[in-house]
Amino acid sequence: MIIMNCIMNPKIGKVPIYETFIVKNPAVNWVVSIIIIAIVITAILIALRCNPDNKFAYGLLAFLFSEIYLLQFVIRKYLLKEKDYCKGI
């Protein structure tokens, strides 16, 4: 539909959806980058502390899928309240 809009309307000349994702303010890019780094570091630290037997595998898993790892941590720790799960935190 977007491509058809560009074909039908030659004044646009660009695909409009790609321009909506471009942030032109560098300060916003820095803030988003810092937030993402903080989330990833938090997930890695929780993974290393809660899984002392296999630190490398869980650390890598937390690095690649940090939001999913933090979600499962919160569910297991606080919603399900599993005994003996990550006592150090």
N, C-alpha and C. Protein backbone atom coordinates (compact mmCIF):
# COMPACT_ATOMS: atom_id res chain seq x y z
N MET A 1 0.81 -1.17 0.00
CA MET A 1 0.00 0.00 0.00
C MET A 1 0.88 1.27 0.00
N ILE A 2 1.96 1.24 0.77
CA ILE A 2 2.86 2.40 0.80
C ILE A 2 3.54 2.56 -0.55
N ILE A 3 3.96 1.43 -1.13
CA ILE A 3 4.62 1.50 -2.43
C ILE A 3 3.65 2.00 -3.49
N MET A 4 2.40 1.55 -3.39
CA MET A 4 1.39 2.03 -4.33
C MET A 4 1.16 3.53 -4.16
N ASN A 5 1.23 4.01 -2.91
CA ASN A 5 1.07 5.44 -2.66
C ASN A 5 2.21 6.22 -3.30
N CYS A 6 3.42 5.70 -3.24
CA CYS A 6 4.56 6.37 -3.86
C CYS A 6 4.46 6.35 -5.38
N ILE A 7 3.93 5.26 -5.90
CA ILE A 7 3.79 5.16 -7.35
C ILE A 7 2.69 6.11 -7.84
N MET A 8 1.59 6.15 -7.10
CA MET A 8 0.48 6.99 -7.49
C MET A 8 0.80 8.48 -7.31
N ASN A 9 1.55 8.81 -6.28
CA ASN A 9 1.85 10.21 -5.98
C ASN A 9 3.34 10.44 -6.18
N PRO A 10 3.74 10.96 -7.32
CA PRO A 10 5.17 11.14 -7.59
C PRO A 10 5.81 12.24 -6.75
N LYS A 11 5.02 13.08 -6.06
CA LYS A 11 5.59 14.13 -5.22
C LYS A 11 6.28 13.56 -4.00
N ILE A 12 5.84 12.41 -3.52
CA ILE A 12 6.44 11.83 -2.32
C ILE A 12 7.85 11.35 -2.65
N GLY A 13 7.97 10.45 -3.57
CA GLY A 13 9.27 9.99 -4.03
C GLY A 13 10.04 9.13 -3.05
N LYS A 14 9.55 8.98 -1.84
CA LYS A 14 10.22 8.17 -0.82
C LYS A 14 9.18 7.30 -0.15
N VAL A 15 9.66 6.26 0.49
CA VAL A 15 8.76 5.41 1.25
C VAL A 15 8.57 6.06 2.61
N PRO A 16 7.38 6.51 2.96
CA PRO A 16 7.19 7.30 4.18
C PRO A 16 7.46 6.54 5.48
N ILE A 17 7.27 5.24 5.49
CA ILE A 17 7.42 4.51 6.75
C ILE A 17 8.87 4.53 7.24
N TYR A 18 9.83 4.57 6.36
CA TYR A 18 11.23 4.57 6.77
C TYR A 18 11.61 5.89 7.43
N GLU A 19 10.99 6.96 7.04
CA GLU A 19 11.31 8.25 7.63
C GLU A 19 10.76 8.41 9.03
N THR A 20 9.77 7.63 9.40
CA THR A 20 9.21 7.76 10.75
C THR A 20 10.14 7.15 11.79
N PHE A 21 11.03 6.25 11.43
CA PHE A 21 11.94 5.62 12.37
C PHE A 21 13.26 6.36 12.52
N ILE A 22 13.50 7.36 11.74
CA ILE A 22 14.75 8.11 11.81
C ILE A 22 14.60 9.20 12.86
N VAL A 23 15.47 9.16 13.87
CA VAL A 23 15.48 10.19 14.89
C VAL A 23 16.58 11.18 14.53
N LYS A 24 16.22 12.42 14.37
CA LYS A 24 17.19 13.41 13.92
C LYS A 24 17.89 14.12 15.07
N ASN A 25 17.47 13.83 16.31
CA ASN A 25 18.08 14.45 17.47
C ASN A 25 19.09 13.49 18.08
N PRO A 26 20.39 13.82 18.10
CA PRO A 26 21.38 12.89 18.63
C PRO A 26 21.24 12.66 20.13
N ALA A 27 20.67 13.59 20.86
CA ALA A 27 20.48 13.40 22.30
C ALA A 27 19.53 12.24 22.57
N VAL A 28 18.51 12.10 21.75
CA VAL A 28 17.56 10.99 21.91
C VAL A 28 18.27 9.67 21.64
N ASN A 29 19.13 9.64 20.65
CA ASN A 29 19.89 8.42 20.36
C ASN A 29 20.78 8.02 21.53
N TRP A 30 21.43 9.01 22.17
CA TRP A 30 22.28 8.72 23.32
C TRP A 30 21.47 8.18 24.49
N VAL A 31 20.34 8.77 24.76
CA VAL A 31 19.50 8.33 25.89
C VAL A 31 18.99 6.91 25.66
N VAL A 32 18.53 6.64 24.46
CA VAL A 32 18.04 5.29 24.15
C VAL A 32 19.18 4.28 24.24
N SER A 33 20.36 4.64 23.78
CA SER A 33 21.51 3.74 23.86
C SER A 33 21.89 3.45 25.31
N ILE A 34 21.87 4.45 26.16
CA ILE A 34 22.20 4.26 27.57
C ILE A 34 21.17 3.37 28.26
N ILE A 35 19.90 3.56 27.93
CA ILE A 35 18.85 2.72 28.51
C ILE A 35 19.02 1.27 28.08
N ILE A 36 19.31 1.04 26.82
CA ILE A 36 19.51 -0.33 26.33
C ILE A 36 20.71 -0.97 26.99
N ILE A 37 21.80 -0.23 27.12
CA ILE A 37 23.01 -0.78 27.78
C ILE A 37 22.72 -1.11 29.23
N ALA A 38 21.96 -0.26 29.92
CA ALA A 38 21.62 -0.52 31.32
C ALA A 38 20.77 -1.78 31.46
N ILE A 39 19.84 -1.99 30.56
CA ILE A 39 19.00 -3.19 30.59
C ILE A 39 19.84 -4.43 30.35
N VAL A 40 20.72 -4.39 29.38
CA VAL A 40 21.56 -5.55 29.05
C VAL A 40 22.50 -5.88 30.20
N ILE A 41 23.13 -4.86 30.79
CA ILE A 41 24.06 -5.11 31.90
C ILE A 41 23.31 -5.68 33.10
N THR A 42 22.12 -5.16 33.39
CA THR A 42 21.32 -5.70 34.49
C THR A 42 20.98 -7.16 34.26
N ALA A 43 20.57 -7.51 33.06
CA ALA A 43 20.22 -8.90 32.76
C ALA A 43 21.44 -9.81 32.90
N ILE A 44 22.58 -9.36 32.44
CA ILE A 44 23.79 -10.18 32.54
C ILE A 44 24.19 -10.38 34.00
N LEU A 45 24.13 -9.33 34.81
CA LEU A 45 24.49 -9.46 36.21
C LEU A 45 23.54 -10.39 36.97
N ILE A 46 22.26 -10.31 36.68
CA ILE A 46 21.31 -11.21 37.32
C ILE A 46 21.57 -12.64 36.87
N ALA A 47 21.84 -12.84 35.59
CA ALA A 47 22.10 -14.19 35.09
C ALA A 47 23.35 -14.79 35.73
N LEU A 48 24.40 -14.01 35.87
CA LEU A 48 25.63 -14.52 36.47
C LEU A 48 25.46 -14.82 37.95
N ARG A 49 24.68 -14.00 38.64
CA ARG A 49 24.51 -14.20 40.07
C ARG A 49 23.54 -15.34 40.39
N CYS A 50 22.53 -15.52 39.59
CA CYS A 50 21.52 -16.55 39.87
C CYS A 50 21.90 -17.93 39.34
N ASN A 51 22.87 -18.02 38.46
CA ASN A 51 23.26 -19.29 37.86
C ASN A 51 24.77 -19.50 37.98
N PRO A 52 25.24 -19.80 39.19
CA PRO A 52 26.70 -19.91 39.37
C PRO A 52 27.31 -21.14 38.71
N ASP A 53 26.49 -22.14 38.40
CA ASP A 53 27.04 -23.37 37.82
C ASP A 53 27.44 -23.20 36.36
N ASN A 54 26.66 -22.45 35.61
CA ASN A 54 26.91 -22.30 34.18
C ASN A 54 26.84 -20.81 33.81
N LYS A 55 27.81 -20.06 34.26
CA LYS A 55 27.78 -18.60 34.09
C LYS A 55 27.87 -18.17 32.63
N PHE A 56 28.71 -18.85 31.85
CA PHE A 56 28.90 -18.41 30.46
C PHE A 56 27.63 -18.57 29.65
N ALA A 57 26.98 -19.71 29.74
CA ALA A 57 25.79 -19.97 28.93
C ALA A 57 24.65 -19.02 29.30
N TYR A 58 24.41 -18.86 30.59
CA TYR A 58 23.33 -17.97 31.01
C TYR A 58 23.67 -16.50 30.78
N GLY A 59 24.94 -16.15 30.90
CA GLY A 59 25.34 -14.78 30.59
C GLY A 59 25.15 -14.46 29.12
N LEU A 60 25.49 -15.40 28.26
CA LEU A 60 25.29 -15.21 26.82
C LEU A 60 23.80 -15.15 26.49
N LEU A 61 23.02 -16.00 27.11
CA LEU A 61 21.58 -15.99 26.90
C LEU A 61 20.98 -14.65 27.34
N ALA A 62 21.43 -14.15 28.48
CA ALA A 62 20.93 -12.86 28.97
C ALA A 62 21.39 -11.71 28.07
N PHE A 63 22.58 -11.82 27.49
CA PHE A 63 23.06 -10.78 26.58
C PHE A 63 22.23 -10.74 25.30
N LEU A 64 21.93 -11.90 24.76
CA LEU A 64 21.21 -11.95 23.49
C LEU A 64 19.72 -11.64 23.64
N PHE A 65 19.13 -12.09 24.75
CA PHE A 65 17.69 -11.92 24.96
C PHE A 65 17.45 -11.28 26.33
N SER A 66 17.95 -10.08 26.53
CA SER A 66 17.94 -9.47 27.86
C SER A 66 16.54 -9.19 28.38
N GLU A 67 15.65 -8.67 27.56
CA GLU A 67 14.31 -8.36 28.04
C GLU A 67 13.54 -9.62 28.40
N ILE A 68 13.69 -10.66 27.59
CA ILE A 68 13.01 -11.93 27.88
C ILE A 68 13.58 -12.55 29.14
N TYR A 69 14.90 -12.46 29.34
CA TYR A 69 15.51 -13.02 30.54
C TYR A 69 15.03 -12.28 31.78
N LEU A 70 14.95 -10.96 31.72
CA LEU A 70 14.47 -10.19 32.87
C LEU A 70 13.00 -10.50 33.15
N LEU A 71 12.22 -10.70 32.12
CA LEU A 71 10.81 -11.05 32.30
C LEU A 71 10.65 -12.39 33.00
N GLN A 72 11.41 -13.40 32.57
CA GLN A 72 11.30 -14.70 33.22
C GLN A 72 11.82 -14.64 34.65
N PHE A 73 12.83 -13.80 34.90
CA PHE A 73 13.34 -13.65 36.26
C PHE A 73 12.27 -13.07 37.19
N VAL A 74 11.60 -12.03 36.75
CA VAL A 74 10.55 -11.41 37.56
C VAL A 74 9.40 -12.37 37.79
N ILE A 75 9.02 -13.12 36.77
CA ILE A 75 7.93 -14.08 36.92
C ILE A 75 8.29 -15.17 37.92
N ARG A 76 9.48 -15.74 37.78
CA ARG A 76 9.89 -16.83 38.68
C ARG A 76 10.14 -16.34 40.10
N LYS A 77 10.74 -15.18 40.23
CA LYS A 77 11.15 -14.69 41.55
C LYS A 77 9.98 -14.10 42.33
N TYR A 78 9.17 -13.29 41.70
CA TYR A 78 8.17 -12.52 42.43
C TYR A 78 6.74 -12.98 42.22
N LEU A 79 6.40 -13.49 41.05
CA LEU A 79 5.03 -13.94 40.84
C LEU A 79 4.83 -15.40 41.28
N LEU A 80 5.73 -16.28 40.85
CA LEU A 80 5.63 -17.68 41.24
C LEU A 80 6.23 -17.96 42.62
N LYS A 81 7.13 -17.09 43.05
CA LYS A 81 7.82 -17.19 44.34
C LYS A 81 8.42 -18.58 44.56
N GLU A 82 9.23 -19.00 43.61
CA GLU A 82 9.90 -20.30 43.71
C GLU A 82 10.91 -20.27 44.85
N LYS A 83 10.91 -21.34 45.61
CA LYS A 83 11.88 -21.45 46.71
C LYS A 83 13.25 -21.73 46.13
N ASP A 84 14.26 -21.20 46.76
CA ASP A 84 15.67 -21.40 46.40
C ASP A 84 16.00 -20.89 45.00
N TYR A 85 15.24 -19.95 44.47
CA TYR A 85 15.60 -19.36 43.19
C TYR A 85 16.25 -18.01 43.43
N CYS A 86 17.50 -17.94 43.20
CA CYS A 86 18.26 -16.69 43.25
C CYS A 86 18.08 -15.99 44.60
N LYS A 87 18.59 -16.63 45.63
CA LYS A 87 18.44 -16.07 46.98
C LYS A 87 19.25 -14.80 47.19
N GLY A 88 20.32 -14.62 46.44
CA GLY A 88 21.20 -13.48 46.65
C GLY A 88 20.61 -12.14 46.24
N ILE A 89 19.51 -12.14 45.53
CA ILE A 89 18.94 -10.87 45.06
C ILE A 89 17.67 -10.58 45.82
